Amino acid sequence: LRKCDKPFVTNYYPRTVPTMLARATLKNDIINLLLLLLLISCHEVFGKIEVIVAGLGRTGTMSLHTALDKLGYEGYHYIDFAHAQHWYDALVTGETSIDSILDRISEEEKYTAILDNPAADFFDELRRRFPQAYVILTVRDTPKIFAESWKELSKAIEVTERDFNFWSFPSFFQWIPSFWYLKRIRCVMGTTHLGLPPCHLVKEWDKYPEGWLEEQYERHNQYIMDAMKESPDKLLVFNVKEGWEPLCRFLGKPVPDESFPYVQVNTARGLMELKQTFLIAIWAWIPITILFIVAVMW
């Protein structure tokens, strides 16, 4: 089973097994029958998640998500809104287990790669469930660049997490179940292997001295690298600026005949525009609703 690596199973297994089944006879294919047993065993050991992207958010995970999709993987990035309550039950209330949400993602919905938080916070659980998966640790050029990007995202999301106040901030977002769950799920980030108090990584970072976020980024990366010391061939430390070559070489995939996808949705400018959109929605919905009611009654 030492051959149970990603290129062997996912590239060789699907196209070889049907042919072997059709040709396998005691007369001329005993070796193929033995290889078939090995392939089936590998397939069961390997599980469903083939790639674990263990980098924190804001490290190019959206671009890598798109790249992995182009390489034939089905990527699960951040949290599907349809799964928000399930994540909440697993991470916040403990009414269900992390294994249950991983079952849903991998077994029921057939995702083959998982990226970003909160998955990055539960790396140990992912490795336990999918020990043969390849691990990609996404990184930025410097810890400072990561920290600035993390702050930009936190400031954009924060406006959706404020409580409703008719006069000072009439936000309706916390009335939407998915946003309500996500607010509480985000507070779990940083509480596992980093051992931080709830909410500090995503909301309370501004209460710490300059350089604190950079330190957490480096601690997280070191934790992942230490965890993979016994399987260095299964770990790729990857900056999306490196493009296709190191990624495809690591995964045993041919390099696509197109540019590497650098997603621009989550850039600093994109996040500023997102925040402005949230604020417009928050302040506009009440007058628009009043005008609509008046128009109907008129």
C-alpha atoms as a PDB file:
ATOM      1  CA  LEU A   1       0.000   0.000   0.000  1.00  0.00           C
ATOM      2  CA  ARG A   2       2.998   2.323  -0.117  1.00  0.00           C
ATOM      3  CA  LYS A   3       1.954   3.033  -3.681  1.00  0.00           C
ATOM      4  CA  CYS A   4      -1.317   4.512  -2.447  1.00  0.00           C
ATOM      5  CA  ASP A   5      -0.438   8.044  -3.440  1.00  0.00           C
ATOM      6  CA  LYS A   6      -2.558  10.509  -5.297  1.00  0.00           C
ATOM      7  CA  PRO A   7      -1.198  10.123  -8.857  1.00  0.00           C
ATOM      8  CA  PHE A   8      -1.256   6.308  -8.582  1.00  0.00           C
ATOM      9  CA  VAL A   9      -4.825   6.065  -7.364  1.00  0.00           C
ATOM     10  CA  THR A  10      -6.662   8.879  -9.085  1.00  0.00           C
ATOM     11  CA  ASN A  11      -4.838   8.750 -12.407  1.00  0.00           C
ATOM     12  CA  TYR A  12      -4.247   5.021 -12.797  1.00  0.00           C
ATOM     13  CA  TYR A  13      -7.273   3.589 -11.007  1.00  0.00           C
ATOM     14  CA  PRO A  14     -10.173   5.091 -13.027  1.00  0.00           C
ATOM     15  CA  ARG A  15      -8.809   4.362 -16.483  1.00  0.00           C
ATOM     16  CA  THR A  16      -7.195   0.995 -15.663  1.00  0.00           C
ATOM     17  CA  VAL A  17      -9.733  -0.883 -13.554  1.00  0.00           C
ATOM     18  CA  PRO A  18     -12.474  -1.144 -16.233  1.00  0.00           C
ATOM     19  CA  THR A  19      -9.924  -2.488 -18.753  1.00  0.00           C
ATOM     20  CA  MET A  20      -8.519  -4.953 -16.236  1.00  0.00           C
ATOM     21  CA  LEU A  21     -11.957  -6.194 -15.304  1.00  0.00           C
ATOM     22  CA  ALA A  22     -12.757  -6.826 -18.939  1.00  0.00           C
ATOM     23  CA  ARG A  23      -9.473  -8.666 -19.577  1.00  0.00           C
ATOM     24  CA  ALA A  24      -8.819 -10.388 -16.248  1.00  0.00           C
ATOM     25  CA  THR A  25      -8.652 -14.158 -16.686  1.00  0.00           C
ATOM     26  CA  LEU A  26      -6.753 -16.880 -14.880  1.00  0.00           C
ATOM     27  CA  LYS A  27      -5.125 -17.705 -18.200  1.00  0.00           C
ATOM     28  CA  ASN A  28      -3.180 -14.533 -18.872  1.00  0.00           C
ATOM     29  CA  ASP A  29      -3.917 -11.841 -16.270  1.00  0.00           C
ATOM     30  CA  ILE A  30      -3.121 -13.159 -12.798  1.00  0.00           C
ATOM     31  CA  ILE A  31      -0.733 -10.243 -12.335  1.00  0.00           C
ATOM     32  CA  ASN A  32      -3.465  -7.837 -13.346  1.00  0.00           C
ATOM     33  CA  LEU A  33      -5.809  -9.409 -10.822  1.00  0.00           C
ATOM     34  CA  LEU A  34      -3.263  -8.859  -8.066  1.00  0.00           C
ATOM     35  CA  LEU A  35      -2.760  -5.274  -9.200  1.00  0.00           C
ATOM     36  CA  LEU A  36      -6.519  -4.800  -9.231  1.00  0.00           C
ATOM     37  CA  LEU A  37      -6.683  -5.860  -5.576  1.00  0.00           C
ATOM     38  CA  LEU A  38      -3.948  -3.375  -4.753  1.00  0.00           C
ATOM     39  CA  LEU A  39      -5.743  -0.582  -6.576  1.00  0.00           C
ATOM     40  CA  ILE A  40      -9.033  -1.314  -4.821  1.00  0.00           C
ATOM     41  CA  SER A  41      -7.247  -1.386  -1.468  1.00  0.00           C
ATOM     42  CA  CYS A  42      -5.564   1.912  -2.253  1.00  0.00           C
ATOM     43  CA  HIS A  43      -8.862   3.447  -3.250  1.00  0.00           C
ATOM     44  CA  GLU A  44     -10.389   2.528   0.109  1.00  0.00           C
ATOM     45  CA  VAL A  45      -7.375   3.744   2.090  1.00  0.00           C
ATOM     46  CA  PHE A  46      -7.168   6.979   0.165  1.00  0.00           C
ATOM     47  CA  GLY A  47     -10.728   8.043   0.932  1.00  0.00           C
ATOM     48  CA  LYS A  48     -12.458  10.928  -0.776  1.00  0.00           C
ATOM     49  CA  ILE A  49     -10.477  14.054   0.127  1.00  0.00           C
ATOM     50  CA  GLU A  50      -7.342  13.939  -2.000  1.00  0.00           C
ATOM     51  CA  VAL A  51      -5.937  17.404  -1.293  1.00  0.00           C
ATOM     52  CA  ILE A  52      -5.925  19.281   2.012  1.00  0.00           C
ATOM     53  CA  VAL A  53      -5.036  22.963   1.654  1.00  0.00           C
ATOM     54  CA  ALA A  54      -3.871  23.832   5.162  1.00  0.00           C
ATOM     55  CA  GLY A  55      -3.003  27.508   4.730  1.00  0.00           C
ATOM     56  CA  LEU A  56      -4.976  30.147   6.573  1.00  0.00           C
ATOM     57  CA  GLY A  57      -7.426  32.305   4.692  1.00  0.00           C
ATOM     58  CA  ARG A  58      -5.929  35.255   2.779  1.00  0.00           C
ATOM     59  CA  THR A  59      -3.071  33.135   1.450  1.00  0.00           C
ATOM     60  CA  GLY A  60      -4.325  32.653  -2.113  1.00  0.00           C
ATOM     61  CA  THR A  61      -6.795  29.891  -1.326  1.00  0.00           C
ATOM     62  CA  MET A  62      -9.421  31.237  -3.725  1.00  0.00           C
ATOM     63  CA  SER A  63      -6.968  31.223  -6.621  1.00  0.00           C
ATOM     64  CA  LEU A  64      -5.774  27.740  -5.665  1.00  0.00           C
ATOM     65  CA  HIS A  65      -9.403  26.597  -5.425  1.00  0.00           C
ATOM     66  CA  THR A  66      -9.928  27.646  -9.033  1.00  0.00           C
ATOM     67  CA  ALA A  67      -6.656  26.012 -10.096  1.00  0.00           C
ATOM     68  CA  LEU A  68      -7.529  22.710  -8.418  1.00  0.00           C
ATOM     69  CA  ASP A  69     -10.922  22.720 -10.122  1.00  0.00           C
ATOM     70  CA  LYS A  70      -9.141  23.092 -13.466  1.00  0.00           C
ATOM     71  CA  LEU A  71      -6.967  20.102 -12.558  1.00  0.00           C
ATOM     72  CA  GLY A  72     -10.037  17.950 -12.044  1.00  0.00           C
ATOM     73  CA  TYR A  73     -10.622  18.256  -8.305  1.00  0.00           C
ATOM     74  CA  GLU A  74     -13.875  19.328  -6.691  1.00  0.00           C
ATOM     75  CA  GLY A  75     -12.834  21.971  -4.183  1.00  0.00           C
ATOM     76  CA  TYR A  76     -14.626  22.927  -0.973  1.00  0.00           C
ATOM     77  CA  HIS A  77     -13.579  26.475  -0.075  1.00  0.00           C
ATOM     78  CA  TYR A  78     -14.375  28.145   3.272  1.00  0.00           C
ATOM     79  CA  ILE A  79     -18.007  27.261   4.177  1.00  0.00           C
ATOM     80  CA  ASP A  80     -20.906  26.477   1.892  1.00  0.00           C
ATOM     81  CA  PHE A  81     -23.806  28.592   3.203  1.00  0.00           C
ATOM     82  CA  ALA A  82     -26.007  25.503   2.979  1.00  0.00           C
ATOM     83  CA  HIS A  83     -23.684  23.847   5.514  1.00  0.00           C
ATOM     84  CA  ALA A  84     -23.516  26.761   7.955  1.00  0.00           C
ATOM     85  CA  GLN A  85     -25.780  25.231  10.599  1.00  0.00           C
ATOM     86  CA  HIS A  86     -23.969  21.888  10.346  1.00  0.00           C
ATOM     87  CA  TRP A  87     -20.598  23.598  10.943  1.00  0.00           C
ATOM     88  CA  TYR A  88     -22.162  25.546  13.816  1.00  0.00           C
ATOM     89  CA  ASP A  89     -23.492  22.368  15.411  1.00  0.00           C
ATOM     90  CA  ALA A  90     -20.095  20.700  15.044  1.00  0.00           C
ATOM     91  CA  LEU A  91     -17.802  23.543  16.111  1.00  0.00           C
ATOM     92  CA  VAL A  92     -19.860  25.689  18.481  1.00  0.00           C
ATOM     93  CA  THR A  93     -22.567  23.684  20.254  1.00  0.00           C
ATOM     94  CA  GLY A  94     -21.014  20.240  19.893  1.00  0.00           C
ATOM     95  CA  GLU A  95     -24.394  18.761  18.974  1.00  0.00           C
ATOM     96  CA  THR A  96     -22.699  16.840  16.185  1.00  0.00           C
ATOM     97  CA  SER A  97     -19.111  15.915  15.362  1.00  0.00           C
ATOM     98  CA  ILE A  98     -16.530  17.267  12.963  1.00  0.00           C
ATOM     99  CA  ASP A  99     -16.512  13.819  11.390  1.00  0.00           C
ATOM    100  CA  SER A 100     -20.164  14.284  10.476  1.00  0.00           C
ATOM    101  CA  ILE A 101     -19.509  17.451   8.475  1.00  0.00           C
ATOM    102  CA  LEU A 102     -16.470  15.821   6.847  1.00  0.00           C
ATOM    103  CA  ASP A 103     -18.685  12.859   5.910  1.00  0.00           C
ATOM    104  CA  ARG A 104     -21.149  15.247   4.330  1.00  0.00           C
ATOM    105  CA  ILE A 105     -18.451  17.079   2.385  1.00  0.00           C
ATOM    106  CA  SER A 106     -16.509  14.068   1.168  1.00  0.00           C
ATOM    107  CA  GLU A 107     -18.908  11.130   1.097  1.00  0.00           C
ATOM    108  CA  GLU A 108     -22.280  12.709   0.359  1.00  0.00           C
ATOM    109  CA  GLU A 109     -21.308  15.699  -1.772  1.00  0.00           C
ATOM    110  CA  LYS A 110     -18.149  14.190  -3.304  1.00  0.00           C
ATOM    111  CA  TYR A 111     -15.689  17.024  -2.754  1.00  0.00           C
ATOM    112  CA  THR A 112     -12.096  15.921  -3.275  1.00  0.00           C
ATOM    113  CA  ALA A 113     -10.193  18.973  -1.998  1.00  0.00           C
ATOM    114  CA  ILE A 114     -10.768  21.188   1.028  1.00  0.00           C
ATOM    115  CA  LEU A 115      -9.382  24.699   1.530  1.00  0.00           C
ATOM    116  CA  ASP A 116      -9.304  27.706   3.876  1.00  0.00           C
ATOM    117  CA  ASN A 117     -10.702  28.129   7.370  1.00  0.00           C
ATOM    118  CA  PRO A 118     -12.284  26.568   9.313  1.00  0.00           C
ATOM    119  CA  ALA A 119     -10.769  23.426   7.766  1.00  0.00           C
ATOM    120  CA  ALA A 120      -7.260  24.813   8.390  1.00  0.00           C
ATOM    121  CA  ASP A 121      -8.095  24.908  12.111  1.00  0.00           C
ATOM    122  CA  PHE A 122      -8.860  21.196  12.095  1.00  0.00           C
ATOM    123  CA  PHE A 123      -5.850  19.955  10.197  1.00  0.00           C
ATOM    124  CA  ASP A 124      -5.253  17.114  12.654  1.00  0.00           C
ATOM    125  CA  GLU A 125      -8.784  15.791  12.129  1.00  0.00           C
ATOM    126  CA  LEU A 126      -8.395  16.015   8.360  1.00  0.00           C
ATOM    127  CA  ARG A 127      -5.093  14.130   8.437  1.00  0.00           C
ATOM    128  CA  ARG A 128      -6.612  11.463  10.663  1.00  0.00           C
ATOM    129  CA  ARG A 129      -9.541  11.004   8.290  1.00  0.00           C
ATOM    130  CA  PHE A 130      -7.556  11.293   5.057  1.00  0.00           C
ATOM    131  CA  PRO A 131      -3.996  10.181   5.828  1.00  0.00           C
ATOM    132  CA  GLN A 132      -3.116   9.653   2.157  1.00  0.00           C
ATOM    133  CA  ALA A 133      -4.193  13.129   1.076  1.00  0.00           C
ATOM    134  CA  TYR A 134      -1.624  15.538  -0.256  1.00  0.00           C
ATOM    135  CA  VAL A 135      -1.163  18.671   1.861  1.00  0.00           C
ATOM    136  CA  ILE A 136      -0.599  22.136   0.417  1.00  0.00           C
ATOM    137  CA  LEU A 137       0.410  24.933   2.768  1.00  0.00           C
ATOM    138  CA  THR A 138      -0.397  28.210   1.035  1.00  0.00           C
ATOM    139  CA  VAL A 139       1.767  31.164   2.042  1.00  0.00           C
ATOM    140  CA  ARG A 140       2.177  34.865   1.271  1.00  0.00           C
ATOM    141  CA  ASP A 141       5.401  36.661   0.370  1.00  0.00           C
ATOM    142  CA  THR A 142       5.815  37.911   3.938  1.00  0.00           C
ATOM    143  CA  PRO A 143       3.910  37.614   7.234  1.00  0.00           C
ATOM    144  CA  LYS A 144       3.205  41.357   7.079  1.00  0.00           C
ATOM    145  CA  ILE A 145       1.434  41.036   3.726  1.00  0.00           C
ATOM    146  CA  PHE A 146      -0.700  38.265   5.194  1.00  0.00           C
ATOM    147  CA  ALA A 147      -1.572  40.377   8.243  1.00  0.00           C
ATOM    148  CA  GLU A 148      -2.632  43.389   6.186  1.00  0.00           C
ATOM    149  CA  SER A 149      -4.822  41.198   3.989  1.00  0.00           C
ATOM    150  CA  TRP A 150      -6.374  39.488   7.031  1.00  0.00           C
ATOM    151  CA  LYS A 151      -7.251  42.881   8.517  1.00  0.00           C
ATOM    152  CA  GLU A 152      -8.899  44.027   5.286  1.00  0.00           C
ATOM    153  CA  LEU A 153     -11.143  40.966   5.172  1.00  0.00           C
ATOM    154  CA  SER A 154     -12.032  41.243   8.870  1.00  0.00           C
ATOM    155  CA  LYS A 155     -13.073  44.869   8.453  1.00  0.00           C
ATOM    156  CA  ALA A 156     -15.252  44.004   5.452  1.00  0.00           C
ATOM    157  CA  ILE A 157     -17.027  41.147   7.223  1.00  0.00           C
ATOM    158  CA  GLU A 158     -17.417  43.005  10.510  1.00  0.00           C
ATOM    159  CA  VAL A 159     -20.259  45.163   9.177  1.00  0.00           C
ATOM    160  CA  THR A 160     -22.384  42.028   8.665  1.00  0.00           C
ATOM    161  CA  GLU A 161     -21.809  40.907  12.256  1.00  0.00           C
ATOM    162  CA  ARG A 162     -23.061  43.998  14.118  1.00  0.00           C
ATOM    163  CA  ASP A 163     -26.351  43.724  15.938  1.00  0.00           C
ATOM    164  CA  PHE A 164     -29.414  45.579  14.700  1.00  0.00           C
ATOM    165  CA  ASN A 165     -30.026  49.096  16.008  1.00  0.00           C
ATOM    166  CA  PHE A 166     -32.762  51.022  14.251  1.00  0.00           C
ATOM    167  CA  TRP A 167     -31.157  54.442  14.757  1.00  0.00           C
ATOM    168  CA  SER A 168     -27.420  53.840  14.712  1.00  0.00           C
ATOM    169  CA  PHE A 169     -26.915  50.757  12.533  1.00  0.00           C
ATOM    170  CA  PRO A 170     -30.021  49.061  11.112  1.00  0.00           C
ATOM    171  CA  SER A 171     -28.258  45.926   9.902  1.00  0.00           C
ATOM    172  CA  PHE A 172     -30.468  42.996   8.971  1.00  0.00           C
ATOM    173  CA  PHE A 173     -27.636  40.534   8.320  1.00  0.00           C
ATOM    174  CA  GLN A 174     -27.817  38.861  11.726  1.00  0.00           C
ATOM    175  CA  TRP A 175     -31.483  38.076  11.021  1.00  0.00           C
ATOM    176  CA  ILE A 176     -30.271  35.827   8.180  1.00  0.00           C
ATOM    177  CA  PRO A 177     -29.525  32.367   9.637  1.00  0.00           C
ATOM    178  CA  SER A 178     -26.381  31.723   7.581  1.00  0.00           C
ATOM    179  CA  PHE A 179     -24.799  35.017   8.640  1.00  0.00           C
ATOM    180  CA  TRP A 180     -25.782  34.358  12.256  1.00  0.00           C
ATOM    181  CA  TYR A 181     -24.067  30.954  12.167  1.00  0.00           C
ATOM    182  CA  LEU A 182     -20.979  32.251  10.362  1.00  0.00           C
ATOM    183  CA  LYS A 183     -20.430  34.977  12.954  1.00  0.00           C
ATOM    184  CA  ARG A 184     -20.151  32.346  15.667  1.00  0.00           C
ATOM    185  CA  ILE A 185     -18.190  29.852  13.591  1.00  0.00           C
ATOM    186  CA  ARG A 186     -15.550  32.474  12.839  1.00  0.00           C
ATOM    187  CA  CYS A 187     -14.885  32.840  16.555  1.00  0.00           C
ATOM    188  CA  VAL A 188     -13.641  29.233  16.626  1.00  0.00           C
ATOM    189  CA  MET A 189     -10.810  30.088  14.240  1.00  0.00           C
ATOM    190  CA  GLY A 190      -7.493  30.128  16.056  1.00  0.00           C
ATOM    191  CA  THR A 191      -8.778  28.284  19.127  1.00  0.00           C
ATOM    192  CA  THR A 192      -7.473  24.817  18.203  1.00  0.00           C
ATOM    193  CA  HIS A 193      -3.734  24.308  17.709  1.00  0.00           C
ATOM    194  CA  LEU A 194      -2.984  28.027  18.161  1.00  0.00           C
ATOM    195  CA  GLY A 195      -4.752  27.955  21.533  1.00  0.00           C
ATOM    196  CA  LEU A 196      -6.172  31.479  21.218  1.00  0.00           C
ATOM    197  CA  PRO A 197      -9.278  32.702  23.065  1.00  0.00           C
ATOM    198  CA  PRO A 198     -12.489  32.645  20.991  1.00  0.00           C
ATOM    199  CA  CYS A 199     -12.845  35.467  18.459  1.00  0.00           C
ATOM    200  CA  HIS A 200      -9.347  36.860  19.001  1.00  0.00           C
ATOM    201  CA  LEU A 201      -7.896  35.819  15.637  1.00  0.00           C
ATOM    202  CA  VAL A 202     -10.784  37.225  13.617  1.00  0.00           C
ATOM    203  CA  LYS A 203     -12.072  40.135  15.723  1.00  0.00           C
ATOM    204  CA  GLU A 204      -9.775  41.007  18.614  1.00  0.00           C
ATOM    205  CA  TRP A 205      -6.462  41.189  16.770  1.00  0.00           C
ATOM    206  CA  ASP A 206      -6.481  44.996  17.008  1.00  0.00           C
ATOM    207  CA  LYS A 207      -6.135  44.736  20.793  1.00  0.00           C
ATOM    208  CA  TYR A 208      -2.692  43.170  20.451  1.00  0.00           C
ATOM    209  CA  PRO A 209       0.672  44.828  19.741  1.00  0.00           C
ATOM    210  CA  GLU A 210       1.818  45.337  16.168  1.00  0.00           C
ATOM    211  CA  GLY A 211       3.140  42.069  14.755  1.00  0.00           C
ATOM    212  CA  TRP A 212       0.772  39.790  16.677  1.00  0.00           C
ATOM    213  CA  LEU A 213      -1.123  38.624  13.585  1.00  0.00           C
ATOM    214  CA  GLU A 214       2.154  37.944  11.816  1.00  0.00           C
ATOM    215  CA  GLU A 215       3.201  35.780  14.756  1.00  0.00           C
ATOM    216  CA  GLN A 216      -0.012  33.703  14.574  1.00  0.00           C
ATOM    217  CA  TYR A 217       0.495  33.210  10.842  1.00  0.00           C
ATOM    218  CA  GLU A 218       4.021  31.921  11.407  1.00  0.00           C
ATOM    219  CA  ARG A 219       2.922  29.710  14.309  1.00  0.00           C
ATOM    220  CA  HIS A 220       0.216  28.134  12.158  1.00  0.00           C
ATOM    221  CA  ASN A 221       2.588  27.480   9.261  1.00  0.00           C
ATOM    222  CA  GLN A 222       5.183  25.969  11.558  1.00  0.00           C
ATOM    223  CA  TYR A 223       2.560  23.700  13.102  1.00  0.00           C
ATOM    224  CA  ILE A 224       1.606  22.314   9.693  1.00  0.00           C
ATOM    225  CA  MET A 225       5.237  21.809   8.671  1.00  0.00           C
ATOM    226  CA  ASP A 226       6.057  20.074  11.957  1.00  0.00           C
ATOM    227  CA  ALA A 227       3.018  17.809  11.563  1.00  0.00           C
ATOM    228  CA  MET A 228       4.265  16.745   8.122  1.00  0.00           C
ATOM    229  CA  LYS A 229       7.882  16.034   9.053  1.00  0.00           C
ATOM    230  CA  GLU A 230       7.363  12.300   8.759  1.00  0.00           C
ATOM    231  CA  SER A 231       5.759  12.658   5.323  1.00  0.00           C
ATOM    232  CA  PRO A 232       7.721  15.433   3.609  1.00  0.00           C
ATOM    233  CA  ASP A 233       6.828  14.098   0.165  1.00  0.00           C
ATOM    234  CA  LYS A 234       3.168  14.771   0.962  1.00  0.00           C
ATOM    235  CA  LEU A 235       3.684  18.481   1.725  1.00  0.00           C
ATOM    236  CA  LEU A 236       3.985  21.389  -0.687  1.00  0.00           C
ATOM    237  CA  VAL A 237       4.643  24.877   0.685  1.00  0.00           C
ATOM    238  CA  PHE A 238       3.141  26.952  -2.096  1.00  0.00           C
ATOM    239  CA  ASN A 239       2.820  30.607  -3.034  1.00  0.00           C
ATOM    240  CA  VAL A 240       0.268  31.004  -5.826  1.00  0.00           C
ATOM    241  CA  LYS A 241       2.715  33.365  -7.545  1.00  0.00           C
ATOM    242  CA  GLU A 242       4.741  30.235  -8.393  1.00  0.00           C
ATOM    243  CA  GLY A 243       2.024  29.173 -10.830  1.00  0.00           C
ATOM    244  CA  TRP A 244       1.306  25.773 -12.328  1.00  0.00           C
ATOM    245  CA  GLU A 245       4.736  24.100 -12.398  1.00  0.00           C
ATOM    246  CA  PRO A 246       5.348  23.217  -8.711  1.00  0.00           C
ATOM    247  CA  LEU A 247       1.654  22.500  -8.124  1.00  0.00           C
ATOM    248  CA  CYS A 248       1.264  20.106 -11.051  1.00  0.00           C
ATOM    249  CA  ARG A 249       4.586  18.421 -10.345  1.00  0.00           C
ATOM    250  CA  PHE A 250       3.503  17.813  -6.748  1.00  0.00           C
ATOM    251  CA  LEU A 251       0.104  16.417  -7.711  1.00  0.00           C
ATOM    252  CA  GLY A 252       1.318  14.444 -10.717  1.00  0.00           C
ATOM    253  CA  LYS A 253      -0.818  16.409 -13.143  1.00  0.00           C
ATOM    254  CA  PRO A 254       0.042  17.778 -16.592  1.00  0.00           C
ATOM    255  CA  VAL A 255       0.448  21.546 -16.734  1.00  0.00           C
ATOM    256  CA  PRO A 256      -2.695  23.117 -18.269  1.00  0.00           C
ATOM    257  CA  ASP A 257      -2.327  25.077 -21.472  1.00  0.00           C
ATOM    258  CA  GLU A 258      -3.581  28.280 -19.874  1.00  0.00           C
ATOM    259  CA  SER A 259      -2.442  30.874 -17.384  1.00  0.00           C
ATOM    260  CA  PHE A 260      -2.673  30.174 -13.677  1.00  0.00           C
ATOM    261  CA  PRO A 261      -5.961  31.646 -12.361  1.00  0.00           C
ATOM    262  CA  TYR A 262      -5.268  34.594 -10.079  1.00  0.00           C
ATOM    263  CA  VAL A 263      -8.705  35.397  -8.648  1.00  0.00           C
ATOM    264  CA  GLN A 264      -9.264  39.118  -8.078  1.00  0.00           C
ATOM    265  CA  VAL A 265     -12.498  38.932  -6.082  1.00  0.00           C
ATOM    266  CA  ASN A 266     -10.783  39.135  -2.701  1.00  0.00           C
ATOM    267  CA  THR A 267      -8.249  41.849  -3.466  1.00  0.00           C
ATOM    268  CA  ALA A 268      -8.035  44.937  -1.233  1.00  0.00           C
ATOM    269  CA  ARG A 269     -10.113  46.870  -3.752  1.00  0.00           C
ATOM    270  CA  GLY A 270     -12.641  44.051  -4.050  1.00  0.00           C
ATOM    271  CA  LEU A 271     -13.052  43.869  -0.272  1.00  0.00           C
ATOM    272  CA  MET A 272     -13.521  47.639  -0.047  1.00  0.00           C
ATOM    273  CA  GLU A 273     -16.251  47.457  -2.675  1.00  0.00           C
ATOM    274  CA  LEU A 274     -17.840  44.517  -0.839  1.00  0.00           C
ATOM    275  CA  LYS A 275     -17.911  46.499   2.396  1.00  0.00           C
ATOM    276  CA  GLN A 276     -19.483  49.465   0.617  1.00  0.00           C
ATOM    277  CA  THR A 277     -22.127  47.161  -0.853  1.00  0.00           C
ATOM    278  CA  PHE A 278     -22.940  45.820   2.619  1.00  0.00           C
ATOM    279  CA  LEU A 279     -23.240  49.365   3.997  1.00  0.00           C
ATOM    280  CA  ILE A 280     -25.504  50.491   1.154  1.00  0.00           C
ATOM    281  CA  ALA A 281     -27.777  47.507   1.780  1.00  0.00           C
ATOM    282  CA  ILE A 282     -27.826  48.173   5.531  1.00  0.00           C
ATOM    283  CA  TRP A 283     -28.757  51.842   5.235  1.00  0.00           C
ATOM    284  CA  ALA A 284     -31.031  51.616   2.198  1.00  0.00           C
ATOM    285  CA  TRP A 285     -33.413  48.796   3.054  1.00  0.00           C
ATOM    286  CA  ILE A 286     -35.559  50.732   5.553  1.00  0.00           C
ATOM    287  CA  PRO A 287     -36.330  53.793   3.342  1.00  0.00           C
ATOM    288  CA  ILE A 288     -36.851  51.521   0.345  1.00  0.00           C
ATOM    289  CA  THR A 289     -39.261  49.374   2.359  1.00  0.00           C
ATOM    290  CA  ILE A 290     -41.148  52.466   3.570  1.00  0.00           C
ATOM    291  CA  LEU A 291     -41.416  53.844   0.034  1.00  0.00           C
ATOM    292  CA  PHE A 292     -42.662  50.476  -1.204  1.00  0.00           C
ATOM    293  CA  ILE A 293     -45.355  50.310   1.485  1.00  0.00           C
ATOM    294  CA  VAL A 294     -46.460  53.886   0.768  1.00  0.00           C
ATOM    295  CA  ALA A 295     -46.614  53.149  -2.943  1.00  0.00           C
ATOM    296  CA  VAL A 296     -48.726  50.036  -2.370  1.00  0.00           C
ATOM    297  CA  MET A 297     -51.084  51.839   0.001  1.00  0.00           C
ATOM    298  CA  TRP A 298     -51.378  54.838  -2.298  1.00  0.00           C
END
